């Protein structure tokens, strides 16, 4: 597949890294020559320095025979014009655009991208993706990472194991025997900064970060087995009343179970807008780093603080101050990947990486065959992939024990009809089944091959 990626920032670079690693023909376009040089020096991609919306630049990038264009520059308008030029001048079949401004995403413009005059096939909204990620963190507060699969029937949980975890030093094979009715499976372990897919004989140790795929109805029991107390979030303080914080507060207001939320916003106009649009949420105007304002928000009795401003340091410091004041849990939005190693020393329970959520969303729309969902783990070290088994797939009709999966691949859940099944060696994979697999990055191409022989790009 020939792909043009417009924008060589973190999102564009990560997408290029994924696609080039899977032997696709990738060209990166950016008006910053240094970013283009970084991409071409570190990845197996071609690079063009120039404005992505210019027809001559796109032609130089190979737009005449490109299969897909991904417009992920920092400008919404450039992304939209790029897709328009890609369609009108070069007839590129598939066009994906990242749009940030909420005005482009409201219901008034919901059909804009399906019409001939603005032909965008897929619109990715980073702020909506981040808001959804924040809500998932709040729904499973003791997990440092979480993602839904199989239309919400299965959940990926990232769990940090403490010294009091009751199943430490227990082989995973024995865990399966002890909890035979539990529909959950450990698919990944991070130990001393190394992520790997475990073997049945591997044990769990304090300090490990594990990834578990569980049936939605077994999430609470799964967390308890690994030593995590499940506490419902009833009081939440949100630092940052911009688009992300506002979206989270709106969603909390619509929940059937009552959640008392308070929003702290430094910018007066944003605070006034949030106050106008929210009905039951208290909005406080001021600095989220102010201990006096945090005390006014009653953060000491809050079940969680969610720091989602556009400044990483503010999010980290607000989280630290809230925890020191007695807040039970802190979730911080962190753009800079290098700051993520500070989470544990700063006692921050979970973080949200907006670039990772955007990358996962884009990958979900460009995978081969019947891939229905993709979630990127860590620094693109692994992926959790949801896909439907086709009749052409080499694994259709086979038992899991007979499938030659790579060492870095584990099946985490199988959906048969409406029922989620915990996979075992004797589980038969049939046409029409939906499978969720954990795959190390190097093994992703082989996973795609196993799902379908004849590749269907679109």
Protein backbone atom coordinates (compact mmCIF):
# COMPACT_ATOMS: atom_id res chain seq x y z
CA UNK A 1 0.00 0.00 0.00
CA UNK A 2 1.29 3.46 -0.91
CA UNK A 3 0.56 6.04 1.80
CA UNK A 4 1.29 9.77 2.07
CA UNK A 5 1.46 11.11 5.63
CA UNK A 6 1.17 14.88 5.92
CA UNK A 7 2.68 16.13 9.14
CA UNK A 8 5.87 14.71 10.64
CA UNK A 9 5.14 15.54 14.28
CA UNK A 10 4.69 12.87 16.94
CA UNK A 11 1.45 11.52 15.47
CA UNK A 12 2.69 11.48 11.87
CA UNK A 13 6.00 9.96 12.91
CA UNK A 14 4.33 7.18 14.89
CA UNK A 15 1.94 6.34 12.02
CA UNK A 16 4.88 6.30 9.61
CA UNK A 17 6.78 4.05 11.99
CA UNK A 18 3.91 1.55 12.11
CA UNK A 19 3.24 1.49 8.37
CA UNK A 20 6.84 1.46 7.20
CA UNK A 21 7.58 -1.37 9.63
CA UNK A 22 4.89 -3.38 7.83
CA UNK A 23 6.62 -2.88 4.46
CA UNK A 24 4.25 -0.25 3.11
CA UNK A 25 5.49 2.46 0.73
CA UNK A 26 5.36 5.56 2.94
CA UNK A 27 6.16 9.19 2.11
CA UNK A 28 6.18 11.86 4.82
CA UNK A 29 5.43 15.51 3.99
CA UNK A 30 6.08 18.46 6.31
CA UNK A 31 7.04 22.10 5.86
CA UNK A 32 9.71 21.68 8.55
CA UNK A 33 12.81 20.15 6.89
CA UNK A 34 14.19 19.06 10.29
CA UNK A 35 11.13 16.93 11.03
CA UNK A 36 11.28 15.40 7.56
CA UNK A 37 14.97 14.63 8.05
CA UNK A 38 14.26 12.99 11.41
CA UNK A 39 11.66 10.73 9.78
CA UNK A 40 13.87 9.72 6.85
CA UNK A 41 16.90 9.17 9.10
CA UNK A 42 15.10 6.94 11.61
CA UNK A 43 12.46 5.21 9.47
CA UNK A 44 12.33 3.42 6.13
CA UNK A 45 10.32 6.23 4.51
CA UNK A 46 10.72 8.89 1.85
CA UNK A 47 10.42 12.55 2.77
CA UNK A 48 9.31 15.76 1.07
CA UNK A 49 9.77 19.21 2.63
CA UNK A 50 6.93 21.53 1.69
CA UNK A 51 3.32 22.52 2.39
CA UNK A 52 1.09 19.46 2.28
CA UNK A 53 -1.83 21.29 0.67
CA UNK A 54 0.21 22.36 -2.38
CA UNK A 55 -0.57 20.21 -5.44
CA UNK A 56 3.05 20.24 -6.67
CA UNK A 57 4.25 19.04 -3.25
CA UNK A 58 1.72 16.21 -3.22
CA UNK A 59 2.69 15.27 -6.77
CA UNK A 60 6.33 15.08 -5.72
CA UNK A 61 5.21 12.81 -2.86
CA UNK A 62 3.66 10.39 -5.36
CA UNK A 63 0.00 11.35 -5.08
CA UNK A 64 -0.74 10.19 -8.64
CA UNK A 65 -0.72 6.53 -7.58
CA UNK A 66 -1.20 6.77 -3.79
CA UNK A 67 -3.75 4.52 -2.08
CA UNK A 68 -4.25 6.70 0.99
CA UNK A 69 -3.43 10.12 2.42
CA UNK A 70 -3.37 10.92 6.14
CA UNK A 71 -3.51 14.66 6.89
CA UNK A 72 -2.22 15.12 10.44
CA UNK A 73 -0.56 18.53 10.39
CA UNK A 74 -1.13 21.03 13.21
CA UNK A 75 -3.59 23.03 11.09
CA UNK A 76 -7.20 21.87 10.61
CA UNK A 77 -7.52 24.02 7.53
CA UNK A 78 -4.38 22.60 5.92
CA UNK A 79 -5.64 19.08 6.65
CA UNK A 80 -9.00 19.78 5.01
CA UNK A 81 -7.52 21.46 1.95
CA UNK A 82 -5.00 18.64 1.61
CA UNK A 83 -7.83 16.10 1.45
CA UNK A 84 -9.69 18.25 -1.05
CA UNK A 85 -6.64 18.51 -3.34
CA UNK A 86 -5.95 14.78 -2.90
CA UNK A 87 -9.48 14.05 -4.08
CA UNK A 88 -10.01 16.66 -6.80
CA UNK A 89 -6.57 16.64 -8.40
CA UNK A 90 -5.20 13.16 -7.71
CA UNK A 91 -8.30 11.01 -6.97
CA UNK A 92 -6.65 9.37 -3.97
CA UNK A 93 -9.19 6.72 -2.83
CA UNK A 94 -8.84 7.05 0.97
CA UNK A 95 -8.49 10.32 2.87
CA UNK A 96 -8.12 10.71 6.65
CA UNK A 97 -7.94 14.10 8.39
CA UNK A 98 -7.18 15.09 11.96
CA UNK A 99 -9.41 18.01 13.03
CA UNK A 100 -9.22 19.75 16.39
CA UNK A 101 -11.65 22.70 16.24
CA UNK A 102 -15.04 21.78 17.67
CA UNK A 103 -16.78 24.03 15.15
CA UNK A 104 -15.85 21.55 12.42
CA UNK A 105 -17.17 18.66 14.47
CA UNK A 106 -20.61 19.84 15.56
CA UNK A 107 -23.81 18.36 14.22
CA UNK A 108 -24.29 21.33 11.88
CA UNK A 109 -21.32 20.14 9.85
CA UNK A 110 -21.77 16.40 10.39
CA UNK A 111 -22.41 15.77 6.68
CA UNK A 112 -19.77 18.20 5.44
CA UNK A 113 -17.09 15.52 5.00
CA UNK A 114 -19.33 13.16 3.02
CA UNK A 115 -20.16 15.61 0.28
CA UNK A 116 -18.30 16.10 -2.92
CA UNK A 117 -17.04 19.56 -1.94
CA UNK A 118 -15.22 18.31 1.18
CA UNK A 119 -14.35 14.66 0.59
CA UNK A 120 -12.89 13.34 3.85
CA UNK A 121 -13.52 9.66 4.48
CA UNK A 122 -12.52 9.61 8.15
CA UNK A 123 -12.33 12.52 10.60
CA UNK A 124 -10.19 12.00 13.70
CA UNK A 125 -10.81 14.34 16.65
CA UNK A 126 -7.92 14.14 19.15
CA UNK A 127 -9.88 15.94 21.85
CA UNK A 128 -12.83 13.58 21.57
CA UNK A 129 -10.49 10.61 21.64
CA UNK A 130 -8.78 11.98 24.77
CA UNK A 131 -12.12 12.68 26.48
CA UNK A 132 -13.22 9.10 25.82
CA UNK A 133 -9.89 7.83 27.16
CA UNK A 134 -10.36 9.93 30.32
CA UNK A 135 -13.82 8.49 30.87
CA UNK A 136 -12.44 4.97 30.49
CA UNK A 137 -9.80 5.74 33.13
CA UNK A 138 -12.50 6.97 35.50
CA UNK A 139 -14.59 3.86 34.85
CA UNK A 140 -11.68 1.61 35.91
CA UNK A 141 -9.79 3.93 38.27
CA UNK A 142 -7.32 1.39 39.63
CA UNK A 143 -6.10 0.47 36.13
CA UNK A 144 -3.34 2.62 34.66
CA UNK A 145 -4.54 1.86 31.13
CA UNK A 146 -7.84 0.68 29.69
CA UNK A 147 -9.53 0.23 26.33
CA UNK A 148 -12.80 -1.35 25.20
CA UNK A 149 -13.13 -4.03 22.53
CA UNK A 150 -15.93 -6.08 20.99
CA UNK A 151 -18.38 -3.17 21.25
CA UNK A 152 -17.74 -2.89 24.98
CA UNK A 153 -18.05 -6.61 25.76
CA UNK A 154 -14.33 -6.99 26.53
CA UNK A 155 -11.92 -4.67 28.30
CA UNK A 156 -8.15 -4.27 28.19
CA UNK A 157 -6.83 -3.44 31.67
CA UNK A 158 -3.35 -2.23 32.57
CA UNK A 159 -2.68 -3.21 36.21
CA UNK A 160 0.39 -2.36 38.30
CA UNK A 161 1.11 -5.15 40.78
CA UNK A 162 1.93 -4.15 44.37
CA UNK A 163 3.59 -6.10 47.17
CA UNK A 164 0.19 -7.07 48.59
CA UNK A 165 -1.06 -8.61 45.33
CA UNK A 166 -2.41 -12.05 46.40
CA UNK A 167 -1.29 -13.91 43.27
CA UNK A 168 2.40 -12.97 43.18
CA UNK A 169 4.88 -15.77 42.36
CA UNK A 170 2.05 -17.86 40.90
CA UNK A 171 2.52 -19.34 37.40
CA UNK A 172 -0.08 -18.08 34.96
CA UNK A 173 -1.04 -21.67 34.17
CA UNK A 174 -1.97 -22.15 37.83
CA UNK A 175 -4.00 -18.93 37.85
CA UNK A 176 -6.11 -20.34 35.03
CA UNK A 177 -6.79 -23.46 37.11
CA UNK A 178 -7.52 -21.51 40.31
CA UNK A 179 -10.02 -19.18 38.65
CA UNK A 180 -11.49 -21.48 36.03
CA UNK A 181 -14.69 -19.46 35.60
CA UNK A 182 -12.90 -16.11 35.23
CA UNK A 183 -13.07 -14.80 31.67
CA UNK A 184 -9.77 -12.95 31.79
CA UNK A 185 -6.28 -13.56 30.46
CA UNK A 186 -2.89 -11.94 31.08
CA UNK A 187 -1.57 -11.12 27.60
CA UNK A 188 1.35 -8.79 28.32
CA UNK A 189 3.86 -8.10 31.09
CA UNK A 190 6.18 -5.13 31.47
CA UNK A 191 9.10 -5.94 33.76
CA UNK A 192 12.06 -3.61 34.26
CA UNK A 193 10.91 -1.52 31.26
CA UNK A 194 10.71 -4.59 28.97
CA UNK A 195 7.35 -5.58 27.50
CA UNK A 196 6.74 -9.21 26.49
CA UNK A 197 3.98 -11.74 25.85
CA UNK A 198 4.13 -14.26 28.73
CA UNK A 199 4.35 -18.05 28.61
CA UNK A 200 2.01 -20.25 30.71
CA UNK A 201 4.83 -20.97 33.16
CA UNK A 202 5.74 -17.32 33.78
CA UNK A 203 5.13 -15.89 37.24
CA UNK A 204 4.07 -12.40 38.31
CA UNK A 205 6.20 -10.24 40.61
CA UNK A 206 5.72 -7.04 42.55
CA UNK A 207 6.48 -4.07 40.33
CA UNK A 208 5.23 -5.77 37.18
CA UNK A 209 2.78 -3.93 34.96
CA UNK A 210 0.44 -6.43 33.36
CA UNK A 211 -2.10 -6.16 30.55
CA UNK A 212 -5.24 -8.25 30.98
CA UNK A 213 -8.13 -8.78 28.57
CA UNK A 214 -11.32 -9.46 30.52
CA UNK A 215 -15.02 -9.90 29.86
CA UNK A 216 -16.82 -6.70 30.86
CA UNK A 217 -18.82 -8.54 33.53
CA UNK A 218 -15.63 -9.93 35.10
CA UNK A 219 -13.67 -6.65 35.28
CA UNK A 220 -14.32 -6.01 38.99
CA UNK A 221 -13.46 -9.57 39.95
CA UNK A 222 -10.31 -9.45 37.81
CA UNK A 223 -9.11 -6.28 39.53
CA UNK A 224 -9.79 -7.77 42.98
CA UNK A 225 -7.84 -10.93 42.14
CA UNK A 226 -4.81 -8.77 41.34
CA UNK A 227 -5.17 -6.87 44.62
CA UNK A 228 -7.03 -3.78 43.46
CA UNK A 229 -9.97 -2.42 45.42
CA UNK A 230 -12.75 -1.24 43.11
CA UNK A 231 -14.13 2.11 44.25
CA UNK A 232 -16.89 3.92 42.37
CA UNK A 233 -16.05 7.49 41.46
CA UNK A 234 -18.65 9.81 42.99
CA UNK A 235 -16.66 13.05 43.39
CA UNK A 236 -14.35 14.20 40.60
CA UNK A 237 -12.33 17.40 40.23
CA UNK A 238 -11.40 18.31 36.63
CA UNK A 239 -8.51 20.74 36.14
CA UNK A 240 -8.94 22.27 32.69
CA UNK A 241 -12.24 23.45 31.27
CA UNK A 242 -11.27 23.38 27.61
CA UNK A 243 -12.75 21.01 25.05
CA UNK A 244 -11.47 17.86 26.78
CA UNK A 245 -12.53 18.82 30.30
CA UNK A 246 -15.87 20.10 29.05
CA UNK A 247 -16.56 16.87 27.15
CA UNK A 248 -15.75 14.77 30.23
CA UNK A 249 -17.95 16.92 32.48
CA UNK A 250 -20.83 16.69 30.00
CA UNK A 251 -20.53 12.90 29.87
CA UNK A 252 -20.46 12.65 33.67
CA UNK A 253 -23.65 14.70 33.87
CA UNK A 254 -25.48 12.23 31.63
CA UNK A 255 -24.59 9.16 33.71
CA UNK A 256 -27.38 7.41 35.56
CA UNK A 257 -25.23 7.08 38.67
CA UNK A 258 -24.74 10.52 40.20
CA UNK A 259 -21.22 11.89 39.87
CA UNK A 260 -20.46 15.25 41.45
CA UNK A 261 -17.93 17.05 39.30
CA UNK A 262 -16.16 20.37 39.72
CA UNK A 263 -14.17 22.07 36.97
CA UNK A 264 -11.25 24.45 37.55
CA UNK A 265 -10.33 26.65 34.58
CA UNK A 266 -7.72 29.42 34.50
CA UNK A 267 -8.98 31.25 31.41
CA UNK A 268 -12.07 33.35 32.21
CA UNK A 269 -13.69 32.95 28.79
CA UNK A 270 -13.30 29.16 28.89
CA UNK A 271 -14.63 29.10 32.45
CA UNK A 272 -17.68 31.16 31.47
CA UNK A 273 -18.33 28.96 28.44
CA UNK A 274 -18.11 25.81 30.60
CA UNK A 275 -20.45 27.31 33.19
CA UNK A 276 -22.99 28.16 30.48
CA UNK A 277 -22.91 24.69 28.90
CA UNK A 278 -22.92 22.59 32.07
CA UNK A 279 -26.02 22.16 34.19
CA UNK A 280 -25.04 20.39 37.43
CA UNK A 281 -21.26 20.92 37.39
CA UNK A 282 -19.67 23.66 39.49
CA UNK A 283 -17.10 25.69 37.53
CA UNK A 284 -14.37 27.56 39.43
CA UNK A 285 -12.29 30.25 37.75
CA UNK A 286 -8.65 30.18 38.78
CA UNK A 287 -5.31 28.37 38.68
CA UNK A 288 -5.51 24.60 39.18
CA UNK A 289 -2.12 24.76 40.92
CA UNK A 290 -3.50 26.97 43.70
CA UNK A 291 -3.87 25.02 46.94
CA UNK A 292 -6.55 27.47 48.04
CA UNK A 293 -8.61 26.80 44.92
CA UNK A 294 -8.07 23.05 45.22
CA UNK A 295 -9.29 23.28 48.80
CA UNK A 296 -12.33 25.25 47.62
CA UNK A 297 -13.03 22.43 45.18
CA UNK A 298 -12.86 20.06 48.19
CA UNK A 299 -10.15 18.01 46.49
CA UNK A 300 -9.21 16.30 49.77
CA UNK A 301 -12.49 14.39 49.68
CA UNK A 302 -12.52 13.77 45.92
CA UNK A 303 -12.33 10.24 44.56
CA UNK A 304 -10.25 11.45 41.62
CA UNK A 305 -8.62 14.48 40.05
CA UNK A 306 -8.41 14.62 36.27
CA UNK A 307 -5.82 17.14 35.05
CA UNK A 308 -6.41 17.81 31.34
CA UNK A 309 -5.02 21.27 30.60
CA UNK A 310 -2.84 21.82 27.53
CA UNK A 311 0.29 22.08 29.71
CA UNK A 312 1.97 18.84 30.86
CA UNK A 313 3.73 20.41 33.85
CA UNK A 314 0.49 21.94 35.12
CA UNK A 315 -1.20 18.56 34.86
CA UNK A 316 1.59 16.80 36.73
CA UNK A 317 1.89 19.40 39.49
CA UNK A 318 -1.86 19.72 39.96
CA UNK A 319 -2.06 15.94 40.30
CA UNK A 320 0.77 15.87 42.86
CA UNK A 321 -0.78 18.66 44.91
CA UNK A 322 -4.19 17.01 44.86
CA UNK A 323 -2.73 13.69 46.03
CA UNK A 324 -0.78 15.42 48.81
CA UNK A 325 -4.03 17.08 49.93
CA UNK A 326 -5.75 13.71 50.25
CA UNK A 327 -7.31 13.04 46.84
CA UNK A 328 -7.68 9.29 46.35
CA UNK A 329 -6.55 9.13 42.72
CA UNK A 330 -4.86 11.29 40.09
CA UNK A 331 -5.07 11.05 36.30
CA UNK A 332 -2.90 13.37 34.20
CA UNK A 333 -2.89 14.24 30.51
CA UNK A 334 0.74 14.01 29.33
CA UNK A 335 1.82 14.85 25.79
CA UNK A 336 5.58 14.40 26.27
CA UNK A 337 6.41 10.66 26.31
CA UNK A 338 9.62 11.30 28.26
CA UNK A 339 7.56 12.51 31.24
CA UNK A 340 5.65 9.25 31.54
CA UNK A 341 8.48 7.67 33.54
CA UNK A 342 7.72 10.21 36.29
CA UNK A 343 4.24 8.82 36.95
CA UNK A 344 5.28 6.27 39.58
CA UNK A 345 7.77 8.51 41.47
CA UNK A 346 5.17 11.30 41.58
CA UNK A 347 2.45 8.88 42.78
CA UNK A 348 0.22 9.65 39.79
CA UNK A 349 -2.09 6.69 39.25
CA UNK A 350 -2.75 6.92 35.51
CA UNK A 351 -1.92 9.04 32.51
CA UNK A 352 -3.47 9.75 29.13
CA UNK A 353 -1.25 10.12 26.09
CA UNK A 354 -3.24 12.06 23.46
CA UNK A 355 -0.82 11.14 20.69
CA UNK A 356 -1.20 7.44 21.46
CA UNK A 357 -5.00 7.70 21.42
CA UNK A 358 -4.91 9.54 18.09
CA UNK A 359 -2.45 7.05 16.59
CA UNK A 360 -4.63 4.13 17.72
CA UNK A 361 -7.71 5.79 16.22
CA UNK A 362 -6.00 6.33 12.86
CA UNK A 363 -4.61 2.80 12.79
CA UNK A 364 -8.11 1.50 13.37
CA UNK A 365 -9.13 2.96 10.02
CA UNK A 366 -6.20 1.82 7.91
CA UNK A 367 -5.68 -1.79 8.92
CA UNK A 368 -6.04 -4.62 6.44
CA UNK A 369 -8.99 -6.95 6.09
CA UNK A 370 -11.65 -7.07 8.79
CA UNK A 371 -9.63 -5.42 11.56
CA UNK A 372 -12.20 -3.59 13.70
CA UNK A 373 -10.04 -2.06 16.40
CA UNK A 374 -6.39 -1.32 17.21
CA UNK A 375 -4.85 -0.03 20.43
CA UNK A 376 -1.17 0.89 20.66
CA UNK A 377 0.66 -0.15 23.84
CA UNK A 378 3.49 1.92 25.29
CA UNK A 379 5.83 3.56 22.81
CA UNK A 380 4.38 1.57 19.89
CA UNK A 381 5.92 -1.56 21.44
CA UNK A 382 2.84 -3.72 20.93
CA UNK A 383 -0.72 -3.59 19.68
CA UNK A 384 -4.00 -5.07 20.78
CA UNK A 385 -5.94 -5.89 17.62
CA UNK A 386 -9.59 -6.82 17.21
CA UNK A 387 -10.49 -8.54 13.95
CA UNK A 388 -13.17 -10.72 12.43
CA UNK A 389 -12.20 -14.10 11.00
CA UNK A 390 -12.98 -14.48 7.31
CA UNK A 391 -13.44 -17.69 5.35
CA UNK A 392 -10.14 -16.91 3.58
CA UNK A 393 -8.21 -16.70 6.86
CA UNK A 394 -5.66 -19.48 7.50
CA UNK A 395 -6.92 -19.77 11.10
CA UNK A 396 -10.60 -20.35 10.19
CA UNK A 397 -11.71 -23.81 11.35
CA UNK A 398 -8.56 -24.43 13.43
CA UNK A 399 -8.07 -24.98 17.15
CA UNK A 400 -5.91 -22.38 18.89
CA UNK A 401 -3.35 -25.02 19.91
CA UNK A 402 -2.82 -25.86 16.22
CA UNK A 403 -2.32 -22.27 15.00
CA UNK A 404 1.29 -21.25 14.47
CA UNK A 405 1.17 -17.90 16.25
CA UNK A 406 4.49 -16.03 16.67
CA UNK A 407 5.97 -16.04 20.20
CA UNK A 408 4.94 -12.42 20.71
CA UNK A 409 1.24 -13.05 20.02
CA UNK A 410 -1.48 -14.15 22.45
CA UNK A 411 -5.22 -14.50 21.88
CA UNK A 412 -6.98 -12.62 24.68
CA UNK A 413 -10.67 -13.15 23.91
CA UNK A 414 -12.96 -14.72 21.33
CA UNK A 415 -16.47 -13.52 20.55
CA UNK A 416 -18.78 -16.26 19.30
CA UNK A 417 -22.15 -14.78 18.44
CA UNK A 418 -22.96 -12.66 21.50
CA UNK A 419 -20.79 -14.60 23.95
CA UNK A 420 -17.23 -13.71 24.98
CA UNK A 421 -15.12 -16.86 25.45
CA UNK A 422 -11.82 -17.11 27.30
CA UNK A 423 -9.51 -18.79 24.78
CA UNK A 424 -7.84 -22.10 25.59
CA UNK A 425 -5.95 -24.54 23.42
CA UNK A 426 -9.13 -26.43 22.57
CA UNK A 427 -11.04 -23.33 21.43
CA UNK A 428 -11.96 -23.62 17.76
CA UNK A 429 -11.77 -20.46 15.67
CA UNK A 430 -14.64 -20.33 13.18
CA UNK A 431 -15.53 -18.04 10.32
CA UNK A 432 -17.34 -14.99 11.67
CA UNK A 433 -15.72 -15.13 15.12
CA UNK A 434 -14.21 -11.91 16.43
CA UNK A 435 -10.80 -12.24 18.07
CA UNK A 436 -8.79 -9.86 20.25
CA UNK A 437 -5.05 -10.54 20.16
CA UNK A 438 -2.02 -8.99 21.84
CA UNK A 439 0.90 -8.71 19.42
CA UNK A 440 4.39 -7.34 19.80
CA UNK A 441 5.09 -4.73 17.11
CA UNK A 442 7.36 -7.00 15.05
CA UNK A 443 4.62 -9.65 14.86
CA UNK A 444 1.76 -7.39 13.65
CA UNK A 445 2.24 -8.16 9.93
CA UNK A 446 2.02 -11.90 10.62
CA UNK A 447 -1.18 -11.37 12.64
CA UNK A 448 -2.73 -9.54 9.70
CA UNK A 449 -1.71 -12.37 7.39
CA UNK A 450 -3.35 -14.92 9.66
CA UNK A 451 -6.61 -13.02 9.69
CA UNK A 452 -6.96 -12.90 5.92
CA UNK A 453 -4.98 -14.18 2.91
CA UNK A 454 -6.31 -11.71 0.31
CA UNK A 455 -5.64 -8.23 1.67
CA UNK A 456 -8.44 -5.71 1.44
CA UNK A 457 -7.13 -2.21 2.07
CA UNK A 458 -10.43 -0.43 2.33
